[in-house]
Amino acid sequence: MALHAVENVEEAFGVTREFLTPIDVRRWLKLALVVFFVGSGVSFPTAQFNTSTPSGDVSNGGFPFSLPVDVVTLVIAIVTVGLLLVGLFALIGAIMEFVLIESLRTGEVSLRRHWRQRWRQGLRLFGFRIAIGLPMVALIAGWIALLVVPILTGRGPAVPFTVFLVGIPVVFLISVLYALVAGLTTVFVVPLMIQADSGVLAAWRRLWGSIKTAWKQYLAYVVIAFLLTVAAGIIASIVVGIIAVVLLIPVLIVAAIAHLTVSLSSTIGIVVLVALAILFGLSMLVIWTVAQVPVVTYLRYYALLVLGDIEESFDLLVDRRPSVEKP
């Protein structure tokens, strides 16, 4: 039995090359914006706060210090704003998943049009990710709390530490299952949602029926896609690292000039160092994001090609495949 995951490794290169060339700066920048939101998974950290007015004495088993109410309030406000920003980033990322697939299947990178067409499905994907992500975060937080809470409260970690060790394989297996569901949702369910204009669960039911029939094909995809992701990540990191070294040279030259002109410990020197650090950081962020464009494009095309070969009715790239099909 031929494995489509193996056959499409090379074909995905051809489709990716056709999509990305000739190089158009405006087109690449739009893709970079999409990749900025979808290129990496976004986790949903949670935090719990137990605040009360400090009373002078600390009861047994409590923290050996107290914080002013205004400091605690400030920390809560900062964390709340941070979580809201993370949630907003994740929401935009969920909608951008559809913008990316629409761009790949149509060959046209139109952010506004694809956003208008698919933002409702993006909201559904966002809700699904929260539904499977929050229990995972709660599980890990509870597992870590078994070790951390007894230490902080001074009750000794002997029994909880044993439970903590026993829970390692359980948490690992559940984490693998979560990663598998989240990954398949991103690369396969989103295209099926676009194809049938459906919700997440309806698309998952279609995919699950195919998985039960051709589970070996999907297993091969998971393994090979993981290896391709690691290899592509290493190559991209090497390229970006080389560029970082090249960009760092003029930064160091400017810093040296500033040191000779004005002391780096002076106000002007500190401002120059901070400005250089911010400029270098932003430059590297842009370069890394642009470097991810061909990586993400290839991996997503690869997934779409495999999906279409496993189940012909799932093919979103009928018009973008090479004219000569494999036998």
Protein backbone atom coordinates (compact mmCIF):
# COMPACT_ATOMS: atom_id res chain seq x y z
CA MET A 1 0.00 0.00 0.00
CA ALA A 2 1.43 3.35 -1.04
CA LEU A 3 1.67 5.92 1.72
CA HIS A 4 0.41 9.31 0.54
CA ALA A 5 2.43 11.01 3.27
CA VAL A 6 5.59 9.78 1.58
CA GLU A 7 4.47 10.50 -1.98
CA ASN A 8 3.53 14.11 -1.28
CA VAL A 9 6.78 15.22 0.35
CA GLU A 10 8.23 16.19 -3.02
CA GLU A 11 4.97 17.29 -4.63
CA ALA A 12 4.39 19.81 -1.85
CA PHE A 13 7.67 21.52 -2.80
CA GLY A 14 6.40 22.09 -6.33
CA VAL A 15 3.05 23.50 -5.22
CA THR A 16 4.76 25.73 -2.65
CA ARG A 17 7.23 27.06 -5.22
CA GLU A 18 4.42 27.86 -7.63
CA PHE A 19 2.51 29.71 -4.91
CA LEU A 20 5.43 31.78 -3.61
CA THR A 21 7.11 32.68 -6.89
CA PRO A 22 7.76 35.00 -8.51
CA ILE A 23 8.56 36.80 -5.24
CA ASP A 24 6.21 39.70 -4.60
CA VAL A 25 7.19 41.74 -1.54
CA ARG A 26 3.63 42.87 -0.79
CA ARG A 27 2.30 39.33 -1.10
CA TRP A 28 5.04 37.94 1.16
CA LEU A 29 4.42 40.63 3.79
CA LYS A 30 0.72 39.77 3.86
CA LEU A 31 1.57 36.11 4.24
CA ALA A 32 4.05 37.01 6.98
CA LEU A 33 1.25 38.77 8.86
CA VAL A 34 -0.89 35.64 8.63
CA VAL A 35 1.99 33.39 9.64
CA PHE A 36 2.74 35.65 12.61
CA PHE A 37 -0.58 34.57 14.12
CA VAL A 38 -0.80 30.96 12.95
CA GLY A 39 2.84 29.86 12.74
CA SER A 40 2.98 28.87 16.39
CA GLY A 41 0.49 27.42 18.75
CA VAL A 42 -0.87 29.63 21.37
CA SER A 43 -1.36 28.35 24.87
CA PHE A 44 -3.93 29.68 27.28
CA PRO A 45 -2.28 30.09 30.65
CA THR A 46 -4.54 30.60 33.63
CA ALA A 47 -3.87 32.14 36.97
CA GLN A 48 -5.75 32.04 40.24
CA PHE A 49 -5.45 34.72 42.86
CA ASN A 50 -6.42 34.49 46.51
CA THR A 51 -6.16 37.98 47.91
CA SER A 52 -7.21 39.37 51.22
CA THR A 53 -6.42 42.38 53.33
CA PRO A 54 -3.13 41.68 55.09
CA SER A 55 -3.51 41.39 58.82
CA GLY A 56 -0.17 41.61 60.59
CA ASP A 57 0.16 37.96 61.61
CA VAL A 58 0.56 35.05 59.26
CA SER A 59 -1.32 31.91 60.23
CA ASN A 60 0.35 28.52 60.20
CA GLY A 61 0.55 27.09 56.72
CA GLY A 62 0.27 30.55 55.12
CA PHE A 63 2.86 32.53 53.20
CA PRO A 64 5.57 34.03 55.41
CA PHE A 65 4.99 37.49 53.94
CA SER A 66 2.19 39.79 52.87
CA LEU A 67 1.83 42.20 50.01
CA PRO A 68 0.19 45.63 50.04
CA VAL A 69 -3.29 45.64 48.59
CA ASP A 70 -2.33 48.13 45.88
CA VAL A 71 0.55 45.89 44.73
CA VAL A 72 -1.72 42.85 44.59
CA THR A 73 -4.31 44.84 42.68
CA LEU A 74 -1.66 46.01 40.22
CA VAL A 75 -0.43 42.46 39.69
CA ILE A 76 -3.99 41.23 39.11
CA ALA A 77 -4.61 44.06 36.64
CA ILE A 78 -1.40 43.32 34.73
CA VAL A 79 -2.13 39.59 34.56
CA THR A 80 -5.72 40.25 33.49
CA VAL A 81 -4.61 42.56 30.69
CA GLY A 82 -2.00 39.99 29.68
CA LEU A 83 -4.59 37.22 29.49
CA LEU A 84 -6.91 39.44 27.46
CA LEU A 85 -4.11 40.16 25.01
CA VAL A 86 -3.27 36.46 24.75
CA GLY A 87 -6.95 35.70 24.16
CA LEU A 88 -7.18 38.39 21.47
CA PHE A 89 -4.05 37.03 19.80
CA ALA A 90 -5.53 33.52 19.87
CA LEU A 91 -8.83 34.75 18.45
CA ILE A 92 -7.10 36.52 15.55
CA GLY A 93 -4.95 33.42 15.05
CA ALA A 94 -8.03 31.20 14.79
CA ILE A 95 -9.53 33.41 12.08
CA MET A 96 -6.19 33.65 10.30
CA GLU A 97 -6.13 29.85 10.00
CA PHE A 98 -9.01 30.18 7.55
CA VAL A 99 -7.40 33.15 5.79
CA LEU A 100 -4.29 31.02 5.25
CA ILE A 101 -6.13 27.98 3.85
CA GLU A 102 -8.29 30.16 1.60
CA SER A 103 -5.13 31.84 0.29
CA LEU A 104 -3.46 28.49 -0.38
CA ARG A 105 -6.42 26.92 -2.14
CA THR A 106 -7.33 29.96 -4.26
CA GLY A 107 -3.78 31.19 -4.86
CA GLU A 108 -4.84 34.72 -3.92
CA VAL A 109 -3.71 36.32 -0.66
CA SER A 110 -6.62 38.63 0.20
CA LEU A 111 -6.74 39.32 3.93
CA ARG A 112 -9.91 41.39 4.04
CA ARG A 113 -12.02 39.22 1.74
CA HIS A 114 -11.03 35.92 3.34
CA TRP A 115 -11.50 37.45 6.82
CA ARG A 116 -15.03 38.63 5.95
CA GLN A 117 -15.90 35.22 4.56
CA ARG A 118 -14.56 33.08 7.41
CA TRP A 119 -14.49 35.07 10.66
CA ARG A 120 -17.57 33.27 12.03
CA GLN A 121 -15.90 29.89 11.52
CA GLY A 122 -12.80 31.37 13.14
CA LEU A 123 -14.87 32.13 16.23
CA ARG A 124 -16.02 28.50 16.31
CA LEU A 125 -12.45 27.28 16.03
CA PHE A 126 -11.44 29.67 18.82
CA GLY A 127 -14.19 28.29 21.04
CA PHE A 128 -13.16 24.71 20.28
CA ARG A 129 -9.53 25.45 21.12
CA ILE A 130 -10.58 26.93 24.45
CA ALA A 131 -12.83 23.93 25.12
CA ILE A 132 -9.96 21.47 24.71
CA GLY A 133 -7.21 23.78 25.97
CA LEU A 134 -8.56 24.90 29.34
CA PRO A 135 -9.01 21.34 30.72
CA MET A 136 -5.46 20.58 29.61
CA VAL A 137 -4.12 23.67 31.38
CA ALA A 138 -6.17 22.83 34.48
CA LEU A 139 -4.78 19.28 34.50
CA ILE A 140 -1.16 20.45 34.27
CA ALA A 141 -1.71 23.22 36.84
CA GLY A 142 -3.29 20.75 39.27
CA TRP A 143 -0.49 18.27 38.70
CA ILE A 144 2.18 20.91 39.41
CA ALA A 145 0.19 22.15 42.41
CA LEU A 146 0.57 18.72 44.03
CA LEU A 147 4.26 19.48 44.38
CA VAL A 148 4.36 23.27 44.73
CA VAL A 149 1.51 23.94 47.19
CA PRO A 150 2.80 21.65 49.99
CA ILE A 151 6.25 23.26 49.68
CA LEU A 152 4.87 26.80 49.84
CA THR A 153 2.63 25.99 52.78
CA GLY A 154 5.42 24.19 54.64
CA ARG A 155 3.68 20.84 54.93
CA GLY A 156 6.38 18.74 53.31
CA PRO A 157 6.17 17.23 49.77
CA ALA A 158 6.63 13.52 50.65
CA VAL A 159 3.24 12.04 49.71
CA PRO A 160 2.30 14.61 47.00
CA PHE A 161 5.75 14.19 45.41
CA THR A 162 5.06 10.46 45.02
CA VAL A 163 1.72 11.24 43.41
CA PHE A 164 3.52 13.83 41.25
CA LEU A 165 5.91 11.19 39.91
CA VAL A 166 3.11 8.70 39.27
CA GLY A 167 1.26 11.37 37.30
CA ILE A 168 4.13 12.00 34.86
CA PRO A 169 3.20 9.25 32.34
CA VAL A 170 -0.51 10.12 32.65
CA VAL A 171 0.08 13.81 31.95
CA PHE A 172 2.44 12.89 29.11
CA LEU A 173 -0.09 10.66 27.38
CA ILE A 174 -2.90 13.20 27.79
CA SER A 175 -0.59 15.93 26.46
CA VAL A 176 0.21 13.83 23.38
CA LEU A 177 -3.51 13.22 22.81
CA TYR A 178 -4.25 16.93 23.17
CA ALA A 179 -1.45 17.84 20.74
CA LEU A 180 -2.75 15.28 18.26
CA VAL A 181 -6.34 16.58 18.41
CA ALA A 182 -5.22 20.21 18.23
CA GLY A 183 -2.85 19.51 15.34
CA LEU A 184 -5.34 17.51 13.28
CA THR A 185 -7.95 20.19 13.90
CA THR A 186 -5.61 22.82 12.48
CA VAL A 187 -4.33 20.99 9.40
CA PHE A 188 -7.34 18.85 8.44
CA VAL A 189 -10.53 20.04 10.17
CA VAL A 190 -10.13 23.69 9.16
CA PRO A 191 -9.93 22.79 5.43
CA LEU A 192 -12.99 20.55 5.82
CA MET A 193 -14.85 23.39 7.54
CA ILE A 194 -14.06 25.61 4.55
CA GLN A 195 -15.05 22.97 2.03
CA ALA A 196 -18.46 22.24 3.58
CA ASP A 197 -18.96 25.66 5.23
CA SER A 198 -19.57 23.79 8.48
CA GLY A 199 -18.66 23.93 12.15
CA VAL A 200 -15.80 22.23 13.96
CA LEU A 201 -17.70 19.18 15.22
CA ALA A 202 -19.33 18.50 11.85
CA ALA A 203 -15.93 18.63 10.15
CA TRP A 204 -14.44 16.40 12.84
CA ARG A 205 -17.17 13.80 12.25
CA ARG A 206 -16.24 13.70 8.55
CA LEU A 207 -12.55 13.44 9.36
CA TRP A 208 -13.08 10.76 12.01
CA GLY A 209 -14.91 8.55 9.55
CA SER A 210 -11.93 8.81 7.21
CA ILE A 211 -9.44 8.17 10.03
CA LYS A 212 -11.21 4.95 11.00
CA THR A 213 -11.00 3.75 7.40
CA ALA A 214 -7.44 4.86 6.55
CA TRP A 215 -5.78 5.16 9.97
CA LYS A 216 -2.42 3.97 8.64
CA GLN A 217 -2.32 6.84 6.16
CA TYR A 218 -3.04 9.40 8.87
CA LEU A 219 -0.52 7.81 11.24
CA ALA A 220 2.13 8.01 8.51
CA TYR A 221 1.25 11.68 8.00
CA VAL A 222 1.61 12.45 11.73
CA VAL A 223 5.06 10.85 11.88
CA ILE A 224 6.43 12.35 8.65
CA ALA A 225 4.89 15.77 9.27
CA PHE A 226 6.55 15.84 12.69
CA LEU A 227 9.94 15.05 11.13
CA LEU A 228 9.43 17.65 8.40
CA THR A 229 8.47 20.26 10.98
CA VAL A 230 11.60 19.58 13.02
CA ALA A 231 13.83 19.64 9.93
CA ALA A 232 12.26 22.84 8.59
CA GLY A 233 12.56 24.47 12.01
CA ILE A 234 16.25 23.64 12.22
CA ILE A 235 16.94 24.99 8.72
CA ALA A 236 14.98 28.19 9.41
CA SER A 237 16.78 28.67 12.73
CA ILE A 238 20.19 28.32 11.05
CA VAL A 239 19.29 30.84 8.34
CA VAL A 240 17.87 33.35 10.83
CA GLY A 241 20.88 32.81 13.11
CA ILE A 242 23.27 33.71 10.32
CA ILE A 243 21.25 36.83 9.51
CA ALA A 244 21.22 37.73 13.22
CA VAL A 245 25.02 37.59 13.36
CA VAL A 246 25.26 39.80 10.27
CA LEU A 247 22.82 42.35 11.72
CA LEU A 248 24.53 42.27 15.10
CA ILE A 249 27.79 43.60 13.63
CA PRO A 250 26.48 47.13 12.80
CA VAL A 251 24.62 47.18 16.13
CA LEU A 252 27.86 46.51 18.00
CA ILE A 253 29.67 49.14 15.91
CA VAL A 254 27.07 51.78 16.78
CA ALA A 255 27.24 50.74 20.44
CA ALA A 256 31.03 51.07 20.37
CA ILE A 257 30.80 54.53 18.82
CA ALA A 258 28.27 55.54 21.45
CA HIS A 259 30.60 54.25 24.17
CA LEU A 260 33.47 56.33 22.83
CA THR A 261 31.32 59.42 22.33
CA VAL A 262 29.17 59.29 25.45
CA SER A 263 29.46 56.85 28.30
CA LEU A 264 27.04 53.95 28.01
CA SER A 265 26.24 54.40 31.68
CA SER A 266 24.99 57.93 31.01
CA THR A 267 21.36 58.72 30.20
CA ILE A 268 22.10 59.21 26.51
CA GLY A 269 24.12 56.01 26.40
CA ILE A 270 21.32 54.00 28.02
CA VAL A 271 18.79 55.49 25.57
CA VAL A 272 21.03 54.49 22.65
CA LEU A 273 21.44 50.94 23.99
CA VAL A 274 17.71 50.54 24.57
CA ALA A 275 16.93 51.90 21.10
CA LEU A 276 19.45 49.54 19.50
CA ALA A 277 18.08 46.57 21.45
CA ILE A 278 14.48 47.36 20.46
CA LEU A 279 15.44 47.92 16.80
CA PHE A 280 17.43 44.68 16.71
CA GLY A 281 14.63 42.74 18.42
CA LEU A 282 11.95 44.04 16.05
CA SER A 283 14.18 43.35 13.05
CA MET A 284 14.73 39.76 14.17
CA LEU A 285 11.00 39.30 14.77
CA VAL A 286 10.23 40.44 11.22
CA ILE A 287 13.01 38.31 9.74
CA TRP A 288 11.92 35.23 11.68
CA THR A 289 8.30 35.70 10.63
CA VAL A 290 9.24 36.14 6.97
CA ALA A 291 11.47 33.06 7.20
CA GLN A 292 8.48 31.09 8.45
CA VAL A 293 6.40 31.93 5.35
CA PRO A 294 7.85 29.17 3.10
CA VAL A 295 7.97 26.75 6.04
CA VAL A 296 4.32 27.16 7.01
CA THR A 297 3.23 27.30 3.37
CA TYR A 298 5.00 24.03 2.58
CA LEU A 299 3.71 22.19 5.65
CA ARG A 300 0.12 23.30 5.05
CA TYR A 301 0.24 22.42 1.35
CA TYR A 302 1.72 19.07 2.33
CA ALA A 303 -1.20 18.41 4.70
CA LEU A 304 -3.77 19.45 2.08
CA LEU A 305 -2.20 17.19 -0.55
CA VAL A 306 -2.17 14.21 1.81
CA LEU A 307 -5.77 14.86 2.85
CA GLY A 308 -6.92 15.04 -0.75
CA ASP A 309 -5.10 11.82 -1.68
CA ILE A 310 -6.45 9.90 1.29
CA GLU A 311 -10.03 10.98 0.62
CA GLU A 312 -10.71 12.35 -2.86
CA SER A 313 -13.86 14.13 -1.70
CA PHE A 314 -11.72 16.12 0.78
CA ASP A 315 -9.43 17.56 -1.90
CA LEU A 316 -9.27 21.38 -1.83
CA LEU A 317 -6.38 21.57 -4.32
CA VAL A 318 -7.91 20.06 -7.42
CA ASP A 319 -7.01 23.12 -9.49
CA ARG A 320 -3.55 23.57 -7.99
CA ARG A 321 -2.10 20.08 -8.34
CA PRO A 322 0.44 19.34 -11.09
CA SER A 323 -1.15 18.56 -14.44
CA VAL A 324 0.41 15.08 -14.42
CA GLU A 325 -0.99 13.13 -11.51
CA LYS A 326 0.66 10.21 -9.85
CA PRO A 327 -0.66 6.81 -10.97
